């Protein structure tokens, strides 16, 4: 696919209106045609008339997660390149997104150059830095919760039961940002 063509269509699915507008403007300046959807549900409706070549999907939005759109986007355009953007990065969601057909996964905040580099298929880096120390207990807990949540298809009540914790406790933990690892 020629990602330098001005005819490429770029779909942005994110409930952060400011981020979406800024990204859309930057992408348009680079010659792409853009469309913005504020939810997964709105994006599904747009797919009836807008057939994207590239897409960014926010993982965590009100309503359905952006990850749920991957199969529909691949049906509309099997060659689409999809980037999952999230402020709630976890190993299990990254793996699930890639299994479903996403091209890549990027933690927010991310700028336009980073987004386009991922979508254009920047070569994987075999020299990626490997952490000197294992994950913190807080980060391990976050990763485990995300894994169990994915196994239960996002169902909070089922996840809370599987983890042996109260549903409200789990909801509070999920509202927090993931623990950042120091490098």
N, C-alpha and C. Protein backbone atom coordinates (compact mmCIF):
# COMPACT_ATOMS: atom_id res chain seq x y z
N UNK A 1 0.84 -1.18 0.00
CA UNK A 1 0.00 0.00 0.00
C UNK A 1 0.89 1.24 0.00
N UNK A 2 0.59 2.20 -0.82
CA UNK A 2 1.36 3.43 -0.90
C UNK A 2 0.81 4.42 0.11
N UNK A 3 1.49 4.59 1.23
CA UNK A 3 1.00 5.47 2.28
C UNK A 3 1.33 6.93 2.02
N UNK A 4 1.94 7.26 0.87
CA UNK A 4 2.22 8.65 0.54
C UNK A 4 1.13 9.25 -0.35
N UNK A 5 0.21 8.42 -0.82
CA UNK A 5 -0.86 8.88 -1.70
C UNK A 5 -1.79 9.84 -0.95
N UNK A 6 -2.18 10.92 -1.63
CA UNK A 6 -3.08 11.88 -1.00
C UNK A 6 -4.50 11.35 -0.92
N UNK A 7 -4.79 10.26 -1.61
CA UNK A 7 -6.15 9.70 -1.62
C UNK A 7 -6.43 8.84 -0.39
N UNK A 8 -5.45 8.59 0.45
CA UNK A 8 -5.69 7.73 1.60
C UNK A 8 -6.68 8.35 2.58
N UNK A 9 -7.55 7.50 3.09
CA UNK A 9 -8.57 7.93 4.05
C UNK A 9 -8.18 7.47 5.45
N UNK A 10 -8.28 8.37 6.40
CA UNK A 10 -7.80 8.14 7.77
C UNK A 10 -8.97 8.32 8.73
N UNK A 11 -9.30 7.27 9.48
CA UNK A 11 -10.38 7.31 10.46
C UNK A 11 -9.80 7.44 11.86
N UNK A 12 -10.29 8.42 12.62
CA UNK A 12 -9.87 8.63 14.00
C UNK A 12 -11.07 8.31 14.89
N UNK A 13 -10.92 7.32 15.76
CA UNK A 13 -12.00 6.96 16.68
C UNK A 13 -11.49 7.20 18.10
N UNK A 14 -12.00 8.26 18.72
CA UNK A 14 -11.52 8.65 20.05
C UNK A 14 -12.58 9.54 20.69
N UNK A 15 -12.85 9.33 21.97
CA UNK A 15 -13.85 10.16 22.65
C UNK A 15 -13.26 11.46 23.19
N UNK A 16 -11.97 11.68 23.02
CA UNK A 16 -11.33 12.94 23.41
C UNK A 16 -11.43 13.88 22.21
N UNK A 17 -12.41 14.78 22.25
CA UNK A 17 -12.69 15.65 21.10
C UNK A 17 -11.49 16.53 20.73
N UNK A 18 -10.81 17.07 21.73
CA UNK A 18 -9.67 17.95 21.46
C UNK A 18 -8.56 17.18 20.77
N UNK A 19 -8.21 16.02 21.31
CA UNK A 19 -7.17 15.19 20.70
C UNK A 19 -7.54 14.85 19.26
N UNK A 20 -8.79 14.45 19.04
CA UNK A 20 -9.26 14.07 17.70
C UNK A 20 -9.15 15.21 16.71
N UNK A 21 -9.58 16.42 17.12
CA UNK A 21 -9.51 17.59 16.24
C UNK A 21 -8.07 17.93 15.89
N UNK A 22 -7.19 17.93 16.90
CA UNK A 22 -5.78 18.27 16.67
C UNK A 22 -5.14 17.24 15.73
N UNK A 23 -5.38 15.95 16.01
CA UNK A 23 -4.82 14.90 15.17
C UNK A 23 -5.37 15.00 13.75
N UNK A 24 -6.66 15.21 13.61
CA UNK A 24 -7.28 15.31 12.30
C UNK A 24 -6.66 16.46 11.49
N UNK A 25 -6.48 17.61 12.13
CA UNK A 25 -5.88 18.76 11.44
C UNK A 25 -4.47 18.43 10.97
N UNK A 26 -3.68 17.81 11.84
CA UNK A 26 -2.29 17.46 11.49
C UNK A 26 -2.25 16.43 10.37
N UNK A 27 -3.15 15.47 10.40
CA UNK A 27 -3.20 14.43 9.36
C UNK A 27 -3.64 15.05 8.02
N UNK A 28 -4.64 15.93 8.06
CA UNK A 28 -5.10 16.60 6.83
C UNK A 28 -3.97 17.41 6.20
N UNK A 29 -3.17 18.09 7.04
CA UNK A 29 -2.05 18.88 6.51
C UNK A 29 -1.04 18.02 5.78
N UNK A 30 -1.04 16.73 6.06
CA UNK A 30 -0.12 15.81 5.40
C UNK A 30 -0.77 15.14 4.18
N UNK A 31 -1.96 15.62 3.81
CA UNK A 31 -2.57 15.16 2.57
C UNK A 31 -3.57 14.03 2.68
N UNK A 32 -3.96 13.65 3.88
CA UNK A 32 -4.94 12.58 4.06
C UNK A 32 -6.35 13.15 4.15
N UNK A 33 -7.33 12.35 3.77
CA UNK A 33 -8.73 12.68 4.00
C UNK A 33 -9.07 12.06 5.36
N UNK A 34 -9.67 12.83 6.26
CA UNK A 34 -9.94 12.30 7.60
C UNK A 34 -11.42 12.31 7.94
N UNK A 35 -11.76 11.45 8.87
CA UNK A 35 -13.09 11.43 9.47
C UNK A 35 -12.90 11.11 10.94
N UNK A 36 -13.74 11.72 11.78
CA UNK A 36 -13.64 11.52 13.24
C UNK A 36 -14.93 10.90 13.74
N UNK A 37 -14.78 9.88 14.57
CA UNK A 37 -15.92 9.28 15.27
C UNK A 37 -15.62 9.37 16.77
N UNK A 38 -16.60 9.81 17.54
CA UNK A 38 -16.42 9.96 18.98
C UNK A 38 -16.69 8.69 19.77
N UNK A 39 -17.12 7.63 19.08
CA UNK A 39 -17.41 6.36 19.75
C UNK A 39 -17.30 5.23 18.73
N UNK A 40 -17.21 4.01 19.25
CA UNK A 40 -17.18 2.84 18.37
C UNK A 40 -18.49 2.73 17.60
N UNK A 41 -19.57 3.05 18.28
CA UNK A 41 -20.89 2.96 17.65
C UNK A 41 -21.00 3.96 16.48
N UNK A 42 -20.52 5.18 16.68
CA UNK A 42 -20.54 6.19 15.62
C UNK A 42 -19.65 5.75 14.46
N UNK A 43 -18.51 5.15 14.77
CA UNK A 43 -17.59 4.69 13.72
C UNK A 43 -18.27 3.62 12.85
N UNK A 44 -19.01 2.71 13.47
CA UNK A 44 -19.70 1.66 12.70
C UNK A 44 -20.67 2.27 11.69
N UNK A 45 -21.39 3.31 12.10
CA UNK A 45 -22.32 3.99 11.21
C UNK A 45 -21.55 4.65 10.06
N UNK A 46 -20.40 5.26 10.38
CA UNK A 46 -19.61 5.95 9.35
C UNK A 46 -19.06 4.98 8.31
N UNK A 47 -18.83 3.72 8.70
CA UNK A 47 -18.25 2.75 7.77
C UNK A 47 -19.16 2.45 6.58
N UNK A 48 -20.42 2.83 6.68
CA UNK A 48 -21.35 2.63 5.57
C UNK A 48 -20.97 3.52 4.38
N UNK A 49 -20.35 4.69 4.66
CA UNK A 49 -20.01 5.63 3.59
C UNK A 49 -18.53 5.98 3.53
N UNK A 50 -17.79 5.75 4.59
CA UNK A 50 -16.37 6.11 4.65
C UNK A 50 -15.55 4.84 4.79
N UNK A 51 -14.74 4.52 3.79
CA UNK A 51 -13.93 3.30 3.78
C UNK A 51 -12.47 3.67 4.04
N UNK A 52 -12.03 3.59 5.31
CA UNK A 52 -10.68 4.05 5.63
C UNK A 52 -9.57 3.09 5.20
N UNK A 53 -8.40 3.69 4.92
CA UNK A 53 -7.18 2.94 4.64
C UNK A 53 -6.32 2.82 5.89
N UNK A 54 -6.48 3.81 6.79
CA UNK A 54 -5.73 3.87 8.04
C UNK A 54 -6.71 4.25 9.14
N UNK A 55 -6.43 3.77 10.37
CA UNK A 55 -7.31 4.13 11.48
C UNK A 55 -6.54 4.14 12.79
N UNK A 56 -6.92 5.09 13.65
CA UNK A 56 -6.46 5.05 15.04
C UNK A 56 -7.71 4.80 15.87
N UNK A 57 -7.60 3.88 16.81
CA UNK A 57 -8.72 3.53 17.68
C UNK A 57 -8.31 3.71 19.12
N UNK A 58 -9.10 4.47 19.87
CA UNK A 58 -8.85 4.61 21.30
C UNK A 58 -9.35 3.33 21.96
N UNK A 59 -8.55 2.80 22.86
CA UNK A 59 -8.91 1.56 23.52
C UNK A 59 -10.07 1.77 24.50
N UNK A 60 -9.96 2.79 25.34
CA UNK A 60 -10.94 2.97 26.42
C UNK A 60 -11.79 4.21 26.14
N UNK A 61 -13.05 3.97 25.80
CA UNK A 61 -14.00 5.06 25.54
C UNK A 61 -15.30 4.74 26.25
N UNK A 62 -16.17 5.74 26.36
CA UNK A 62 -17.52 5.47 26.85
C UNK A 62 -18.17 4.57 25.81
N UNK A 63 -18.90 3.59 26.27
CA UNK A 63 -19.48 2.62 25.32
C UNK A 63 -18.46 1.55 24.98
N UNK A 64 -18.55 1.04 23.78
CA UNK A 64 -17.67 -0.06 23.36
C UNK A 64 -16.23 0.43 23.19
N UNK A 65 -15.30 -0.46 23.44
CA UNK A 65 -13.88 -0.18 23.25
C UNK A 65 -13.56 -0.12 21.76
N UNK A 66 -12.55 0.67 21.41
CA UNK A 66 -12.12 0.75 20.03
C UNK A 66 -11.67 -0.59 19.47
N UNK A 67 -11.19 -1.46 20.34
CA UNK A 67 -10.69 -2.78 19.90
C UNK A 67 -11.81 -3.60 19.25
N UNK A 68 -13.06 -3.32 19.63
CA UNK A 68 -14.19 -4.06 19.07
C UNK A 68 -14.41 -3.74 17.59
N UNK A 69 -13.84 -2.65 17.11
CA UNK A 69 -14.01 -2.25 15.71
C UNK A 69 -13.07 -2.98 14.75
N UNK A 70 -12.02 -3.58 15.26
CA UNK A 70 -11.01 -4.17 14.39
C UNK A 70 -11.61 -5.16 13.38
N UNK A 71 -12.43 -6.12 13.80
CA UNK A 71 -12.99 -7.06 12.81
C UNK A 71 -13.83 -6.37 11.73
N UNK A 72 -14.64 -5.37 12.11
CA UNK A 72 -15.46 -4.67 11.12
C UNK A 72 -14.59 -3.87 10.15
N UNK A 73 -13.55 -3.21 10.67
CA UNK A 73 -12.65 -2.45 9.81
C UNK A 73 -11.94 -3.37 8.82
N UNK A 74 -11.53 -4.55 9.29
CA UNK A 74 -10.85 -5.51 8.42
C UNK A 74 -11.81 -6.07 7.36
N UNK A 75 -13.09 -6.16 7.69
CA UNK A 75 -14.08 -6.62 6.72
C UNK A 75 -14.27 -5.57 5.62
N UNK A 76 -14.35 -4.31 6.01
CA UNK A 76 -14.54 -3.21 5.07
C UNK A 76 -13.31 -3.05 4.17
N UNK A 77 -12.13 -3.18 4.76
CA UNK A 77 -10.88 -3.05 4.00
C UNK A 77 -9.84 -4.00 4.59
N UNK A 78 -9.65 -5.17 3.99
CA UNK A 78 -8.70 -6.16 4.53
C UNK A 78 -7.26 -5.64 4.65
N UNK A 79 -6.92 -4.59 3.87
CA UNK A 79 -5.56 -4.04 3.91
C UNK A 79 -5.41 -2.86 4.85
N UNK A 80 -6.46 -2.51 5.58
CA UNK A 80 -6.39 -1.36 6.48
C UNK A 80 -5.28 -1.53 7.51
N UNK A 81 -4.64 -0.44 7.84
CA UNK A 81 -3.61 -0.44 8.89
C UNK A 81 -4.24 0.26 10.10
N UNK A 82 -4.26 -0.45 11.23
CA UNK A 82 -4.96 0.02 12.42
C UNK A 82 -3.97 0.17 13.57
N UNK A 83 -4.04 1.34 14.22
CA UNK A 83 -3.21 1.61 15.39
C UNK A 83 -4.12 1.81 16.60
N UNK A 84 -3.88 1.04 17.65
CA UNK A 84 -4.61 1.23 18.90
C UNK A 84 -3.85 2.26 19.72
N UNK A 85 -4.54 3.31 20.14
CA UNK A 85 -3.97 4.35 21.00
C UNK A 85 -4.63 4.26 22.36
N UNK A 86 -3.85 4.34 23.42
CA UNK A 86 -4.46 4.27 24.74
C UNK A 86 -3.60 4.88 25.82
N UNK A 87 -4.26 5.43 26.80
CA UNK A 87 -3.60 5.90 28.01
C UNK A 87 -3.58 4.79 29.05
N UNK A 88 -4.16 3.64 28.71
CA UNK A 88 -4.28 2.51 29.64
C UNK A 88 -3.60 1.27 29.07
N UNK A 89 -2.37 1.43 28.67
CA UNK A 89 -1.64 0.34 28.02
C UNK A 89 -1.43 -0.84 28.96
N UNK A 90 -1.63 -2.02 28.42
CA UNK A 90 -1.31 -3.24 29.15
C UNK A 90 -0.88 -4.30 28.14
N UNK A 91 -0.14 -5.26 28.61
CA UNK A 91 0.36 -6.31 27.74
C UNK A 91 -0.80 -7.09 27.13
N UNK A 92 -1.79 -7.45 27.94
CA UNK A 92 -2.88 -8.30 27.44
C UNK A 92 -3.70 -7.58 26.37
N UNK A 93 -3.96 -6.29 26.54
CA UNK A 93 -4.73 -5.60 25.51
C UNK A 93 -3.91 -5.41 24.24
N UNK A 94 -2.62 -5.20 24.37
CA UNK A 94 -1.76 -5.08 23.18
C UNK A 94 -1.75 -6.39 22.41
N UNK A 95 -1.59 -7.50 23.10
CA UNK A 95 -1.57 -8.81 22.45
C UNK A 95 -2.92 -9.08 21.78
N UNK A 96 -4.00 -8.79 22.47
CA UNK A 96 -5.34 -9.03 21.92
C UNK A 96 -5.57 -8.19 20.67
N UNK A 97 -5.16 -6.92 20.71
CA UNK A 97 -5.32 -6.04 19.55
C UNK A 97 -4.57 -6.57 18.34
N UNK A 98 -3.36 -7.03 18.55
CA UNK A 98 -2.55 -7.56 17.45
C UNK A 98 -3.17 -8.85 16.92
N UNK A 99 -3.65 -9.71 17.81
CA UNK A 99 -4.31 -10.95 17.38
C UNK A 99 -5.53 -10.66 16.52
N UNK A 100 -6.27 -9.60 16.87
CA UNK A 100 -7.48 -9.24 16.13
C UNK A 100 -7.17 -8.58 14.79
N UNK A 101 -5.93 -8.16 14.61
CA UNK A 101 -5.55 -7.60 13.31
C UNK A 101 -5.05 -6.18 13.33
N UNK A 102 -4.87 -5.58 14.52
CA UNK A 102 -4.29 -4.24 14.57
C UNK A 102 -2.84 -4.30 14.07
N UNK A 103 -2.41 -3.24 13.45
CA UNK A 103 -1.05 -3.16 12.93
C UNK A 103 -0.07 -2.93 14.07
N UNK A 104 -0.47 -2.06 15.01
CA UNK A 104 0.41 -1.74 16.13
C UNK A 104 -0.40 -1.14 17.26
N UNK A 105 0.30 -0.78 18.32
CA UNK A 105 -0.29 -0.35 19.57
C UNK A 105 0.62 0.73 20.12
N UNK A 106 0.06 1.86 20.56
CA UNK A 106 0.88 2.97 21.03
C UNK A 106 0.24 3.60 22.26
N UNK A 107 1.05 3.82 23.29
CA UNK A 107 0.55 4.46 24.51
C UNK A 107 0.47 5.96 24.30
N UNK A 108 -0.58 6.57 24.83
CA UNK A 108 -0.72 8.03 24.80
C UNK A 108 0.16 8.60 25.90
N UNK A 109 0.63 9.80 25.79
CA UNK A 109 0.45 10.71 24.68
C UNK A 109 1.35 10.32 23.51
N UNK A 110 0.84 10.53 22.31
CA UNK A 110 1.60 10.23 21.10
C UNK A 110 1.38 11.39 20.12
N UNK A 111 2.43 11.73 19.39
CA UNK A 111 2.27 12.82 18.42
C UNK A 111 2.02 12.24 17.02
N UNK A 112 1.70 13.13 16.10
CA UNK A 112 1.34 12.72 14.74
C UNK A 112 2.45 11.93 14.06
N UNK A 113 3.70 12.36 14.24
CA UNK A 113 4.83 11.65 13.62
C UNK A 113 4.93 10.22 14.13
N UNK A 114 4.76 10.03 15.44
CA UNK A 114 4.81 8.67 16.02
C UNK A 114 3.67 7.82 15.46
N UNK A 115 2.49 8.41 15.39
CA UNK A 115 1.31 7.68 14.90
C UNK A 115 1.51 7.25 13.45
N UNK A 116 1.95 8.17 12.61
CA UNK A 116 2.15 7.83 11.20
C UNK A 116 3.29 6.83 11.01
N UNK A 117 4.34 6.95 11.81
CA UNK A 117 5.45 5.99 11.72
C UNK A 117 4.95 4.58 12.03
N UNK A 118 4.13 4.44 13.05
CA UNK A 118 3.58 3.12 13.40
C UNK A 118 2.67 2.60 12.29
N UNK A 119 1.83 3.48 11.74
CA UNK A 119 0.91 3.06 10.69
C UNK A 119 1.61 2.77 9.36
N UNK A 120 2.70 3.44 9.11
CA UNK A 120 3.44 3.20 7.87
C UNK A 120 4.31 1.97 7.98
N UNK A 121 4.31 1.36 9.15
CA UNK A 121 5.03 0.10 9.32
C UNK A 121 6.51 0.26 9.56
N UNK A 122 6.85 1.23 10.43
CA UNK A 122 8.26 1.36 10.80
C UNK A 122 8.75 -0.01 11.25
N UNK A 123 9.93 -0.36 10.81
CA UNK A 123 10.48 -1.68 11.10
C UNK A 123 10.59 -1.92 12.60
N UNK A 124 10.23 -3.12 13.05
CA UNK A 124 10.40 -3.46 14.47
C UNK A 124 11.87 -3.35 14.86
N UNK A 125 12.10 -2.95 16.10
CA UNK A 125 13.46 -2.74 16.58
C UNK A 125 13.91 -3.95 17.40
N UNK A 126 14.79 -4.80 16.85
CA UNK A 126 15.26 -5.96 17.61
C UNK A 126 16.15 -5.56 18.78
N UNK A 127 16.59 -4.30 18.78
CA UNK A 127 17.44 -3.81 19.87
C UNK A 127 16.64 -3.05 20.92
N UNK A 128 15.32 -3.30 20.95
CA UNK A 128 14.48 -2.62 21.92
C UNK A 128 15.04 -2.85 23.33
N UNK A 129 14.94 -1.81 24.14
CA UNK A 129 15.49 -1.87 25.49
C UNK A 129 14.71 -2.86 26.34
N UNK A 130 15.43 -3.73 27.01
CA UNK A 130 14.82 -4.71 27.91
C UNK A 130 15.05 -4.21 29.33
N UNK A 131 13.98 -4.18 30.12
CA UNK A 131 14.07 -3.65 31.48
C UNK A 131 15.11 -4.41 32.30
N UNK A 132 15.81 -3.65 33.13
CA UNK A 132 16.83 -4.24 34.00
C UNK A 132 16.22 -4.97 35.19
N UNK A 133 15.03 -4.53 35.58
CA UNK A 133 14.39 -5.14 36.75
C UNK A 133 12.97 -5.56 36.40
N UNK A 134 12.43 -6.50 37.14
CA UNK A 134 11.07 -6.96 36.86
C UNK A 134 10.05 -5.86 37.16
N UNK A 135 8.81 -6.08 36.68
CA UNK A 135 7.73 -5.12 36.92
C UNK A 135 7.49 -4.97 38.42
N UNK A 136 7.03 -3.79 38.80
CA UNK A 136 6.66 -3.55 40.20
C UNK A 136 5.40 -4.35 40.52
N UNK A 137 5.13 -4.53 41.80
CA UNK A 137 3.93 -5.26 42.22
C UNK A 137 2.69 -4.54 41.71
N UNK A 138 2.69 -3.21 41.75
CA UNK A 138 1.55 -2.43 41.27
C UNK A 138 1.31 -2.66 39.78
N UNK A 139 2.38 -2.69 39.01
CA UNK A 139 2.24 -2.91 37.56
C UNK A 139 1.82 -4.35 37.28
N UNK A 140 2.34 -5.30 38.03
CA UNK A 140 1.93 -6.71 37.87
C UNK A 140 0.43 -6.86 38.15
N UNK A 141 -0.04 -6.17 39.21
CA UNK A 141 -1.46 -6.23 39.53
C UNK A 141 -2.28 -5.66 38.36
N UNK A 142 -1.86 -4.51 37.82
CA UNK A 142 -2.56 -3.89 36.69
C UNK A 142 -2.61 -4.85 35.50
N UNK A 143 -1.49 -5.45 35.17
CA UNK A 143 -1.41 -6.38 34.04
C UNK A 143 -2.32 -7.58 34.26
N UNK A 144 -2.33 -8.11 35.49
CA UNK A 144 -3.16 -9.28 35.79
C UNK A 144 -4.65 -8.92 35.67
N UNK A 145 -5.03 -7.76 36.19
CA UNK A 145 -6.42 -7.33 36.09
C UNK A 145 -6.82 -7.19 34.62
N UNK A 146 -5.94 -6.59 33.80
CA UNK A 146 -6.23 -6.42 32.38
C UNK A 146 -6.37 -7.77 31.67
N UNK A 147 -5.53 -8.72 32.05
CA UNK A 147 -5.59 -10.06 31.44
C UNK A 147 -6.92 -10.73 31.77
N UNK A 148 -7.32 -10.69 33.04
CA UNK A 148 -8.57 -11.32 33.46
C UNK A 148 -9.76 -10.59 32.85
N UNK A 149 -9.69 -9.26 32.77
CA UNK A 149 -10.76 -8.48 32.15
C UNK A 149 -10.92 -8.87 30.67
N UNK A 150 -9.81 -9.05 29.99
CA UNK A 150 -9.85 -9.47 28.58
C UNK A 150 -10.45 -10.86 28.45
N UNK A 151 -10.07 -11.76 29.35
CA UNK A 151 -10.61 -13.12 29.33
C UNK A 151 -12.12 -13.14 29.53
N UNK A 152 -12.64 -12.13 30.26
CA UNK A 152 -14.08 -12.05 30.52
C UNK A 152 -14.75 -11.02 29.61
N UNK A 153 -14.09 -10.73 28.48
CA UNK A 153 -14.64 -9.87 27.43
C UNK A 153 -15.12 -8.52 27.96
N UNK A 154 -14.38 -7.95 28.91
CA UNK A 154 -14.69 -6.62 29.44
C UNK A 154 -15.79 -6.60 30.48
N UNK A 155 -16.30 -7.76 30.88
CA UNK A 155 -17.38 -7.83 31.86
C UNK A 155 -16.80 -7.60 33.26
N UNK A 156 -17.14 -6.45 33.86
CA UNK A 156 -16.58 -6.06 35.17
C UNK A 156 -17.02 -7.03 36.27
N UNK A 157 -18.30 -7.38 36.29
CA UNK A 157 -18.81 -8.26 37.36
C UNK A 157 -18.14 -9.63 37.31
N UNK A 158 -18.03 -10.21 36.10
CA UNK A 158 -17.40 -11.53 35.96
C UNK A 158 -15.92 -11.45 36.32
N UNK A 159 -15.27 -10.36 35.94
CA UNK A 159 -13.84 -10.18 36.27
C UNK A 159 -13.66 -10.07 37.78
N UNK A 160 -14.52 -9.28 38.43
CA UNK A 160 -14.42 -9.11 39.89
C UNK A 160 -14.60 -10.46 40.58
N UNK A 161 -15.56 -11.25 40.12
CA UNK A 161 -15.76 -12.58 40.72
C UNK A 161 -14.52 -13.45 40.53
N UNK A 162 -13.96 -13.43 39.32
CA UNK A 162 -12.78 -14.25 39.03
C UNK A 162 -11.57 -13.82 39.87
N UNK A 163 -11.50 -12.52 40.16
CA UNK A 163 -10.37 -12.01 40.96
C UNK A 163 -10.64 -12.07 42.46
N UNK A 164 -11.88 -12.41 42.82
CA UNK A 164 -12.23 -12.50 44.24
C UNK A 164 -12.25 -11.13 44.90
N UNK A 165 -12.70 -10.11 44.17
CA UNK A 165 -12.79 -8.78 44.77
C UNK A 165 -14.17 -8.19 44.49
N UNK A 166 -14.51 -7.18 45.26
CA UNK A 166 -15.79 -6.51 45.07
C UNK A 166 -15.77 -5.74 43.76
N UNK A 167 -16.91 -5.71 43.09
CA UNK A 167 -17.02 -5.04 41.79
C UNK A 167 -16.61 -3.57 41.88
N UNK A 168 -17.03 -2.88 42.94
CA UNK A 168 -16.68 -1.45 43.08
C UNK A 168 -15.18 -1.26 43.28
N UNK A 169 -14.55 -2.17 43.99
CA UNK A 169 -13.10 -2.09 44.16
C UNK A 169 -12.41 -2.21 42.81
N UNK A 170 -12.86 -3.17 42.01
CA UNK A 170 -12.30 -3.35 40.68
C UNK A 170 -12.53 -2.10 39.82
N UNK A 171 -13.73 -1.54 39.88
CA UNK A 171 -14.01 -0.33 39.10
C UNK A 171 -13.09 0.81 39.50
N UNK A 172 -12.82 0.96 40.80
CA UNK A 172 -11.89 2.02 41.25
C UNK A 172 -10.49 1.78 40.70
N UNK A 173 -10.05 0.53 40.73
CA UNK A 173 -8.71 0.21 40.21
C UNK A 173 -8.62 0.47 38.71
N UNK A 174 -9.70 0.19 37.98
CA UNK A 174 -9.71 0.39 36.54
C UNK A 174 -9.77 1.87 36.15
N UNK A 175 -10.29 2.71 37.03
CA UNK A 175 -10.36 4.14 36.73
C UNK A 175 -9.01 4.82 36.87
N UNK A 176 -8.11 4.20 37.60
CA UNK A 176 -6.76 4.76 37.76
C UNK A 176 -5.93 4.48 36.53
N UNK A 177 -4.96 5.33 36.30
CA UNK A 177 -4.00 5.09 35.21
C UNK A 177 -3.11 3.92 35.61
N UNK A 178 -2.58 3.19 34.63
CA UNK A 178 -1.68 2.09 34.97
C UNK A 178 -0.41 2.62 35.63
N UNK A 179 0.17 1.79 36.47
CA UNK A 179 1.41 2.15 37.16
C UNK A 179 2.51 2.27 36.11
N UNK A 180 3.20 3.38 36.11
CA UNK A 180 4.31 3.60 35.17
C UNK A 180 5.56 2.96 35.73
N UNK A 181 6.28 2.33 34.83
CA UNK A 181 7.55 1.72 35.21
C UNK A 181 8.66 2.72 34.98
N UNK A 182 9.60 2.79 35.91
CA UNK A 182 10.76 3.67 35.74
C UNK A 182 11.84 2.90 35.01
N UNK A 183 12.48 3.56 34.05
CA UNK A 183 13.51 2.91 33.25
C UNK A 183 14.88 3.28 33.75
